[in-house]
Amino acid sequence: MIVAGIGCRSGINTDALLSLVQRVSAGHSLARLAAPAFRKGESAISALAKILKVELVWISAQDMAERQVECETHSAIAFEKTGFSSVAEACALAGAGPKSCLLVTRQSNRDVTCALAISSDTTGIENG
């Protein structure tokens, strides 16, 4: 299972999210979108999941914190704003399950970040 983790600024629009997620996930079949629970009020995130026809999961601060050590990219700005130095990667990893790994590290496009993670039970199938 491949999961797209996203991070974004408040007030983000669906087009900005969609543009980056489509670019990052090109060639991959997404099963799930994972976003930080502190962005639950952002309607663009729910709209994105509907457009992509994938499950949306909200990642708790605790789950994000537990996956920070596995993140490959870090942002001082994200840490200042959210308390997490890697939002998209942590969301992707947490959304893909406990033994997941990054498939695509954080990519950014202005106000949006996206990373892909793959769950361990399909790693062999996807990499093949």
N, C-alpha and C. Protein backbone atom coordinates (compact mmCIF):
# COMPACT_ATOMS: atom_id res chain seq x y z
N MET A 1 0.84 -1.18 0.00
CA MET A 1 0.00 0.00 0.00
C MET A 1 0.88 1.24 0.00
N ILE A 2 0.59 2.15 -0.91
CA ILE A 2 1.33 3.41 -0.99
C ILE A 2 0.47 4.54 -0.44
N VAL A 3 1.09 5.33 0.42
CA VAL A 3 0.40 6.42 1.11
C VAL A 3 1.10 7.74 0.79
N ALA A 4 0.31 8.74 0.44
CA ALA A 4 0.84 10.09 0.25
C ALA A 4 0.61 10.86 1.55
N GLY A 5 1.68 11.32 2.14
CA GLY A 5 1.59 12.18 3.32
C GLY A 5 1.70 13.62 2.86
N ILE A 6 0.87 14.48 3.43
CA ILE A 6 0.93 15.88 3.02
C ILE A 6 1.09 16.80 4.22
N GLY A 7 1.67 17.93 3.94
CA GLY A 7 1.76 19.02 4.88
C GLY A 7 1.37 20.26 4.11
N CYS A 8 0.75 21.22 4.78
CA CYS A 8 0.34 22.43 4.08
C CYS A 8 0.10 23.56 5.06
N ARG A 9 0.06 24.74 4.53
CA ARG A 9 -0.29 25.90 5.34
C ARG A 9 -1.80 25.98 5.45
N SER A 10 -2.28 26.64 6.47
CA SER A 10 -3.72 26.80 6.61
C SER A 10 -4.24 27.66 5.46
N GLY A 11 -5.45 27.41 5.04
CA GLY A 11 -6.07 28.13 3.95
C GLY A 11 -5.66 27.65 2.57
N ILE A 12 -5.03 26.50 2.50
CA ILE A 12 -4.56 25.96 1.22
C ILE A 12 -5.75 25.65 0.31
N ASN A 13 -5.53 25.71 -1.00
CA ASN A 13 -6.63 25.36 -1.91
C ASN A 13 -6.37 23.97 -2.51
N THR A 14 -7.44 23.38 -2.98
CA THR A 14 -7.38 22.02 -3.50
C THR A 14 -6.45 21.90 -4.70
N ASP A 15 -6.45 22.89 -5.57
CA ASP A 15 -5.60 22.83 -6.77
C ASP A 15 -4.12 22.73 -6.41
N ALA A 16 -3.68 23.48 -5.41
CA ALA A 16 -2.27 23.44 -4.99
C ALA A 16 -1.91 22.06 -4.46
N LEU A 17 -2.80 21.48 -3.67
CA LEU A 17 -2.57 20.13 -3.14
C LEU A 17 -2.54 19.11 -4.28
N LEU A 18 -3.52 19.17 -5.14
CA LEU A 18 -3.65 18.20 -6.22
C LEU A 18 -2.44 18.24 -7.15
N SER A 19 -1.99 19.41 -7.49
CA SER A 19 -0.86 19.56 -8.40
C SER A 19 0.39 18.84 -7.87
N LEU A 20 0.71 19.08 -6.61
CA LEU A 20 1.91 18.46 -6.05
C LEU A 20 1.74 16.96 -5.83
N VAL A 21 0.61 16.54 -5.29
CA VAL A 21 0.40 15.11 -5.04
C VAL A 21 0.43 14.33 -6.35
N GLN A 22 -0.15 14.85 -7.41
CA GLN A 22 -0.11 14.16 -8.70
C GLN A 22 1.32 14.06 -9.22
N ARG A 23 2.10 15.12 -9.07
CA ARG A 23 3.50 15.10 -9.54
C ARG A 23 4.32 14.10 -8.76
N VAL A 24 4.17 14.10 -7.44
CA VAL A 24 4.97 13.21 -6.58
C VAL A 24 4.56 11.75 -6.76
N SER A 25 3.28 11.51 -6.95
CA SER A 25 2.79 10.13 -7.02
C SER A 25 2.75 9.57 -8.44
N ALA A 26 3.21 10.31 -9.42
CA ALA A 26 3.18 9.83 -10.81
C ALA A 26 3.85 8.46 -10.90
N GLY A 27 3.15 7.52 -11.51
CA GLY A 27 3.68 6.17 -11.67
C GLY A 27 3.38 5.26 -10.49
N HIS A 28 2.75 5.78 -9.47
CA HIS A 28 2.41 4.98 -8.28
C HIS A 28 0.90 4.98 -8.10
N SER A 29 0.37 3.91 -7.57
CA SER A 29 -1.05 3.81 -7.30
C SER A 29 -1.30 4.09 -5.82
N LEU A 30 -1.84 5.24 -5.53
CA LEU A 30 -2.09 5.63 -4.14
C LEU A 30 -3.28 4.88 -3.57
N ALA A 31 -3.14 4.47 -2.31
CA ALA A 31 -4.24 3.82 -1.61
C ALA A 31 -4.81 4.73 -0.53
N ARG A 32 -4.01 5.69 -0.07
CA ARG A 32 -4.40 6.47 1.09
C ARG A 32 -3.71 7.82 1.07
N LEU A 33 -4.39 8.79 1.64
CA LEU A 33 -3.85 10.13 1.87
C LEU A 33 -3.77 10.32 3.38
N ALA A 34 -2.63 10.76 3.87
CA ALA A 34 -2.44 10.96 5.31
C ALA A 34 -2.08 12.42 5.57
N ALA A 35 -2.82 13.04 6.47
CA ALA A 35 -2.61 14.45 6.79
C ALA A 35 -2.60 14.64 8.30
N PRO A 36 -1.93 15.68 8.77
CA PRO A 36 -1.87 15.91 10.22
C PRO A 36 -3.24 16.27 10.79
N ALA A 37 -3.55 15.71 11.93
CA ALA A 37 -4.85 15.96 12.57
C ALA A 37 -5.06 17.45 12.85
N PHE A 38 -3.98 18.19 13.05
CA PHE A 38 -4.15 19.62 13.33
C PHE A 38 -4.61 20.41 12.10
N ARG A 39 -4.74 19.75 10.94
CA ARG A 39 -5.26 20.38 9.73
C ARG A 39 -6.67 19.88 9.37
N LYS A 40 -7.34 19.22 10.32
CA LYS A 40 -8.67 18.67 10.04
C LYS A 40 -9.67 19.70 9.52
N GLY A 41 -9.50 20.94 9.86
CA GLY A 41 -10.42 21.99 9.42
C GLY A 41 -10.22 22.43 7.98
N GLU A 42 -9.19 21.94 7.32
CA GLU A 42 -8.90 22.34 5.95
C GLU A 42 -9.75 21.52 4.97
N SER A 43 -10.77 22.13 4.43
CA SER A 43 -11.68 21.42 3.53
C SER A 43 -10.98 20.94 2.25
N ALA A 44 -9.91 21.61 1.85
CA ALA A 44 -9.20 21.22 0.63
C ALA A 44 -8.60 19.82 0.76
N ILE A 45 -8.24 19.42 1.96
CA ILE A 45 -7.65 18.10 2.16
C ILE A 45 -8.71 17.01 1.93
N SER A 46 -9.87 17.20 2.51
CA SER A 46 -10.96 16.23 2.29
C SER A 46 -11.36 16.20 0.83
N ALA A 47 -11.40 17.36 0.19
CA ALA A 47 -11.75 17.42 -1.22
C ALA A 47 -10.71 16.68 -2.07
N LEU A 48 -9.44 16.81 -1.71
CA LEU A 48 -8.38 16.12 -2.44
C LEU A 48 -8.57 14.61 -2.38
N ALA A 49 -8.87 14.08 -1.20
CA ALA A 49 -9.08 12.64 -1.05
C ALA A 49 -10.23 12.17 -1.94
N LYS A 50 -11.28 12.96 -2.03
CA LYS A 50 -12.41 12.60 -2.88
C LYS A 50 -12.02 12.61 -4.36
N ILE A 51 -11.26 13.62 -4.75
CA ILE A 51 -10.82 13.71 -6.14
C ILE A 51 -9.94 12.52 -6.51
N LEU A 52 -9.03 12.16 -5.60
CA LEU A 52 -8.11 11.05 -5.85
C LEU A 52 -8.75 9.68 -5.62
N LYS A 53 -9.94 9.68 -5.00
CA LYS A 53 -10.66 8.45 -4.69
C LYS A 53 -9.83 7.52 -3.80
N VAL A 54 -9.27 8.12 -2.74
CA VAL A 54 -8.48 7.37 -1.77
C VAL A 54 -9.00 7.64 -0.36
N GLU A 55 -8.67 6.73 0.52
CA GLU A 55 -9.01 6.88 1.93
C GLU A 55 -8.19 8.04 2.51
N LEU A 56 -8.80 8.80 3.40
CA LEU A 56 -8.11 9.88 4.11
C LEU A 56 -7.98 9.50 5.58
N VAL A 57 -6.75 9.56 6.09
CA VAL A 57 -6.53 9.32 7.51
C VAL A 57 -5.87 10.54 8.11
N TRP A 58 -6.30 10.88 9.32
CA TRP A 58 -5.75 12.01 10.06
C TRP A 58 -4.73 11.47 11.05
N ILE A 59 -3.52 11.97 11.00
CA ILE A 59 -2.42 11.48 11.83
C ILE A 59 -2.28 12.33 13.08
N SER A 60 -2.32 11.68 14.22
CA SER A 60 -2.22 12.39 15.50
C SER A 60 -0.82 12.94 15.72
N ALA A 61 -0.72 13.91 16.59
CA ALA A 61 0.58 14.48 16.94
C ALA A 61 1.49 13.41 17.53
N GLN A 62 0.95 12.52 18.32
CA GLN A 62 1.76 11.45 18.92
C GLN A 62 2.33 10.53 17.84
N ASP A 63 1.50 10.14 16.88
CA ASP A 63 1.97 9.27 15.80
C ASP A 63 3.02 9.97 14.94
N MET A 64 2.83 11.26 14.70
CA MET A 64 3.83 12.02 13.94
C MET A 64 5.15 12.10 14.70
N ALA A 65 5.06 12.34 16.00
CA ALA A 65 6.26 12.45 16.82
C ALA A 65 7.05 11.14 16.82
N GLU A 66 6.35 10.02 16.87
CA GLU A 66 7.01 8.72 16.90
C GLU A 66 7.76 8.41 15.61
N ARG A 67 7.36 9.01 14.49
CA ARG A 67 8.00 8.71 13.21
C ARG A 67 9.05 9.74 12.79
N GLN A 68 9.22 10.83 13.56
CA GLN A 68 10.17 11.88 13.20
C GLN A 68 11.59 11.35 12.99
N VAL A 69 12.01 10.41 13.81
CA VAL A 69 13.37 9.89 13.71
C VAL A 69 13.64 9.19 12.37
N GLU A 70 12.59 8.72 11.71
CA GLU A 70 12.73 8.02 10.43
C GLU A 70 12.67 8.97 9.23
N CYS A 71 12.34 10.22 9.47
CA CYS A 71 12.20 11.18 8.38
C CYS A 71 13.57 11.58 7.85
N GLU A 72 13.65 11.74 6.54
CA GLU A 72 14.93 12.05 5.90
C GLU A 72 15.14 13.54 5.65
N THR A 73 14.06 14.31 5.59
CA THR A 73 14.21 15.76 5.39
C THR A 73 13.59 16.48 6.57
N HIS A 74 14.15 17.64 6.87
CA HIS A 74 13.68 18.41 8.02
C HIS A 74 13.66 19.90 7.67
N SER A 75 12.70 20.59 8.21
CA SER A 75 12.52 22.01 7.93
C SER A 75 12.42 22.79 9.24
N ALA A 76 13.28 23.77 9.39
CA ALA A 76 13.23 24.63 10.58
C ALA A 76 11.94 25.44 10.58
N ILE A 77 11.48 25.84 9.40
CA ILE A 77 10.24 26.61 9.31
C ILE A 77 9.05 25.77 9.75
N ALA A 78 8.99 24.52 9.27
CA ALA A 78 7.89 23.63 9.68
C ALA A 78 7.93 23.41 11.19
N PHE A 79 9.13 23.23 11.73
CA PHE A 79 9.24 23.02 13.18
C PHE A 79 8.74 24.24 13.94
N GLU A 80 9.10 25.42 13.47
CA GLU A 80 8.67 26.66 14.12
C GLU A 80 7.15 26.80 14.10
N LYS A 81 6.54 26.43 12.97
CA LYS A 81 5.09 26.61 12.80
C LYS A 81 4.26 25.48 13.42
N THR A 82 4.80 24.24 13.41
CA THR A 82 3.97 23.09 13.81
C THR A 82 4.51 22.29 14.99
N GLY A 83 5.79 22.46 15.29
CA GLY A 83 6.42 21.62 16.31
C GLY A 83 6.99 20.33 15.75
N PHE A 84 6.89 20.16 14.42
CA PHE A 84 7.43 18.98 13.74
C PHE A 84 8.35 19.45 12.62
N SER A 85 9.53 18.87 12.54
CA SER A 85 10.45 19.28 11.48
C SER A 85 10.16 18.58 10.16
N SER A 86 9.35 17.55 10.20
CA SER A 86 8.96 16.84 8.98
C SER A 86 7.50 16.41 9.10
N VAL A 87 6.63 17.10 8.42
CA VAL A 87 5.19 16.81 8.50
C VAL A 87 4.79 15.77 7.45
N ALA A 88 5.08 16.04 6.19
CA ALA A 88 4.64 15.14 5.11
C ALA A 88 5.23 13.74 5.26
N GLU A 89 6.53 13.64 5.54
CA GLU A 89 7.15 12.32 5.68
C GLU A 89 6.61 11.58 6.89
N ALA A 90 6.43 12.26 8.01
CA ALA A 90 5.90 11.61 9.20
C ALA A 90 4.47 11.12 8.96
N CYS A 91 3.67 11.93 8.28
CA CYS A 91 2.30 11.52 7.97
C CYS A 91 2.28 10.31 7.03
N ALA A 92 3.13 10.34 6.02
CA ALA A 92 3.18 9.21 5.08
C ALA A 92 3.57 7.94 5.81
N LEU A 93 4.60 8.00 6.63
CA LEU A 93 5.07 6.82 7.37
C LEU A 93 4.01 6.31 8.33
N ALA A 94 3.42 7.21 9.11
CA ALA A 94 2.40 6.80 10.07
C ALA A 94 1.16 6.25 9.35
N GLY A 95 0.81 6.86 8.24
CA GLY A 95 -0.36 6.42 7.50
C GLY A 95 -0.18 5.07 6.82
N ALA A 96 1.07 4.69 6.57
CA ALA A 96 1.35 3.41 5.90
C ALA A 96 1.57 2.27 6.88
N GLY A 97 1.66 2.57 8.16
CA GLY A 97 1.78 1.51 9.15
C GLY A 97 3.12 1.45 9.83
N PRO A 98 3.22 0.60 10.85
CA PRO A 98 4.40 0.57 11.72
C PRO A 98 5.71 0.16 11.06
N LYS A 99 5.68 -0.65 10.05
CA LYS A 99 6.94 -1.09 9.42
C LYS A 99 7.08 -0.53 8.01
N SER A 100 6.55 0.66 7.81
CA SER A 100 6.62 1.28 6.50
C SER A 100 7.95 1.98 6.30
N CYS A 101 8.23 2.34 5.05
CA CYS A 101 9.45 3.10 4.75
C CYS A 101 9.12 4.13 3.68
N LEU A 102 9.96 5.15 3.60
CA LEU A 102 9.75 6.19 2.60
C LEU A 102 10.05 5.67 1.20
N LEU A 103 9.20 6.02 0.30
CA LEU A 103 9.36 5.69 -1.11
C LEU A 103 9.85 6.93 -1.87
N VAL A 104 9.28 8.09 -1.53
CA VAL A 104 9.68 9.38 -2.08
C VAL A 104 9.78 10.36 -0.90
N THR A 105 10.94 10.98 -0.74
CA THR A 105 11.10 11.95 0.34
C THR A 105 10.30 13.22 0.03
N ARG A 106 10.24 14.08 1.02
CA ARG A 106 9.44 15.29 0.91
C ARG A 106 9.79 16.11 -0.33
N GLN A 107 8.74 16.45 -1.05
CA GLN A 107 8.83 17.35 -2.19
C GLN A 107 7.95 18.54 -1.84
N SER A 108 8.30 19.71 -2.33
CA SER A 108 7.49 20.88 -1.97
C SER A 108 7.15 21.72 -3.18
N ASN A 109 6.08 22.47 -3.01
CA ASN A 109 5.59 23.38 -4.04
C ASN A 109 4.91 24.53 -3.32
N ARG A 110 5.68 25.54 -3.01
CA ARG A 110 5.20 26.70 -2.26
C ARG A 110 4.63 26.33 -0.89
N ASP A 111 3.33 26.23 -0.78
CA ASP A 111 2.68 26.05 0.51
C ASP A 111 2.29 24.61 0.82
N VAL A 112 2.79 23.66 0.01
CA VAL A 112 2.41 22.26 0.16
C VAL A 112 3.66 21.38 0.15
N THR A 113 3.65 20.35 0.98
CA THR A 113 4.69 19.32 0.91
C THR A 113 4.01 17.96 0.76
N CYS A 114 4.71 17.03 0.13
CA CYS A 114 4.17 15.69 -0.08
C CYS A 114 5.31 14.69 -0.06
N ALA A 115 5.08 13.54 0.55
CA ALA A 115 6.03 12.43 0.56
C ALA A 115 5.23 11.15 0.40
N LEU A 116 5.88 10.11 -0.10
CA LEU A 116 5.22 8.81 -0.25
C LEU A 116 5.90 7.78 0.64
N ALA A 117 5.10 6.94 1.24
CA ALA A 117 5.60 5.81 2.01
C ALA A 117 4.90 4.55 1.54
N ILE A 118 5.57 3.43 1.76
CA ILE A 118 5.00 2.14 1.37
C ILE A 118 4.99 1.23 2.58
N SER A 119 3.90 0.50 2.74
CA SER A 119 3.81 -0.43 3.87
C SER A 119 4.68 -1.65 3.59
N SER A 120 5.19 -2.24 4.63
CA SER A 120 6.15 -3.35 4.48
C SER A 120 5.54 -4.58 3.83
N ASP A 121 4.24 -4.77 3.96
CA ASP A 121 3.65 -5.98 3.40
C ASP A 121 3.58 -5.98 1.88
N THR A 122 3.80 -4.81 1.23
CA THR A 122 3.77 -4.79 -0.23
C THR A 122 5.11 -4.32 -0.82
N THR A 123 6.12 -4.15 0.00
CA THR A 123 7.40 -3.66 -0.51
C THR A 123 7.94 -4.54 -1.62
N GLY A 124 7.93 -5.84 -1.42
CA GLY A 124 8.45 -6.76 -2.43
C GLY A 124 7.67 -6.71 -3.71
N ILE A 125 6.35 -6.55 -3.62
CA ILE A 125 5.51 -6.50 -4.81
C ILE A 125 5.78 -5.23 -5.60
N GLU A 126 5.82 -4.10 -4.92
CA GLU A 126 6.01 -2.82 -5.60
C GLU A 126 7.41 -2.69 -6.21
N ASN A 127 8.42 -3.21 -5.54
CA ASN A 127 9.78 -3.05 -6.02
C ASN A 127 10.24 -4.22 -6.87
N GLY A 128 9.40 -5.21 -6.95
CA GLY A 128 9.69 -6.25 -7.64
C GLY A 128 10.07 -7.29 -8.32
